[in-house]
Amino acid sequence: MKTTVDNLVLRELKRRQGGWASTVSLAKLANSFAVHSSISRLRTERGFHILSRPSKDPNKKYFYLLI
């Protein structure tokens, strides 16, 4: 099975076990800037509950947390 950006993002969120992950860290890990799109698909198409919150650092955009 091909490893998709969605799967890389999901794997990292699971690895953090309740810890927040920044858009920047997820983008670097997945080698893709499509993190928000991946989060959206994980929520809507695959049913994962993922919280988001804006970062105080404008360079990091958002943080995501898998519930």
Protein backbone atom coordinates (compact mmCIF):
# COMPACT_ATOMS: atom_id res chain seq x y z
CA MET A 1 0.00 0.00 0.00
CA LYS A 2 1.29 3.44 -0.92
CA THR A 3 1.98 5.72 2.04
CA THR A 4 -0.10 8.83 1.51
CA VAL A 5 0.26 12.25 3.09
CA ASP A 6 -2.95 11.52 5.01
CA ASN A 7 -1.46 8.34 6.46
CA LEU A 8 1.80 10.07 7.41
CA VAL A 9 -0.11 12.85 9.17
CA LEU A 10 -2.35 10.34 10.96
CA ARG A 11 0.62 8.21 12.03
CA GLU A 12 2.32 11.26 13.55
CA LEU A 13 -0.81 12.38 15.40
CA LYS A 14 -1.19 8.87 16.83
CA ARG A 15 2.49 8.78 17.78
CA ARG A 16 2.09 11.95 19.84
CA GLN A 17 -0.55 10.22 22.01
CA GLY A 18 -2.59 13.27 22.94
CA GLY A 19 0.07 15.87 22.17
CA TRP A 20 -0.42 18.75 19.78
CA ALA A 21 1.39 18.79 16.41
CA SER A 22 2.07 21.98 14.46
CA THR A 23 1.29 22.44 10.80
CA VAL A 24 5.01 22.99 10.20
CA SER A 25 6.10 19.75 11.89
CA LEU A 26 3.46 17.73 10.02
CA ALA A 27 4.37 19.35 6.69
CA LYS A 28 8.05 18.53 7.19
CA LEU A 29 7.29 14.96 8.16
CA ALA A 30 4.95 14.37 5.22
CA ASN A 31 7.08 16.43 2.82
CA SER A 32 3.90 18.24 1.80
CA PHE A 33 2.20 21.55 2.42
CA ALA A 34 -1.25 19.90 2.10
CA VAL A 35 -1.61 19.29 5.85
CA HIS A 36 -4.91 21.13 6.22
CA SER A 37 -6.38 19.15 3.33
CA SER A 38 -5.18 15.90 4.90
CA ILE A 39 -6.70 16.84 8.25
CA SER A 40 -9.98 17.66 6.52
CA ARG A 41 -10.05 14.27 4.74
CA LEU A 42 -9.14 12.42 7.93
CA ARG A 43 -12.09 14.10 9.63
CA THR A 44 -14.73 13.83 6.93
CA GLU A 45 -13.82 10.71 4.96
CA ARG A 46 -12.26 8.57 7.67
CA GLY A 47 -14.13 9.75 10.76
CA PHE A 48 -11.22 10.82 12.99
CA HIS A 49 -11.89 13.45 15.64
CA ILE A 50 -9.06 15.98 15.29
CA LEU A 51 -9.07 19.30 17.13
CA SER A 52 -7.30 22.37 15.82
CA ARG A 53 -6.20 25.60 17.41
CA PRO A 54 -4.38 28.59 15.98
CA SER A 55 -0.77 29.11 16.91
CA LYS A 56 0.48 32.24 18.65
CA ASP A 57 3.45 31.98 16.28
CA PRO A 58 2.20 33.02 12.81
CA ASN A 59 4.84 30.83 11.15
CA LYS A 60 3.36 27.65 12.63
CA LYS A 61 -0.25 28.41 11.58
CA TYR A 62 -2.20 25.73 13.50
CA PHE A 63 -1.76 22.88 15.94
CA TYR A 64 -3.70 19.63 15.63
CA LEU A 65 -4.67 17.04 18.25
CA LEU A 66 -6.10 13.58 17.61
CA ILE A 67 -8.79 12.70 20.15
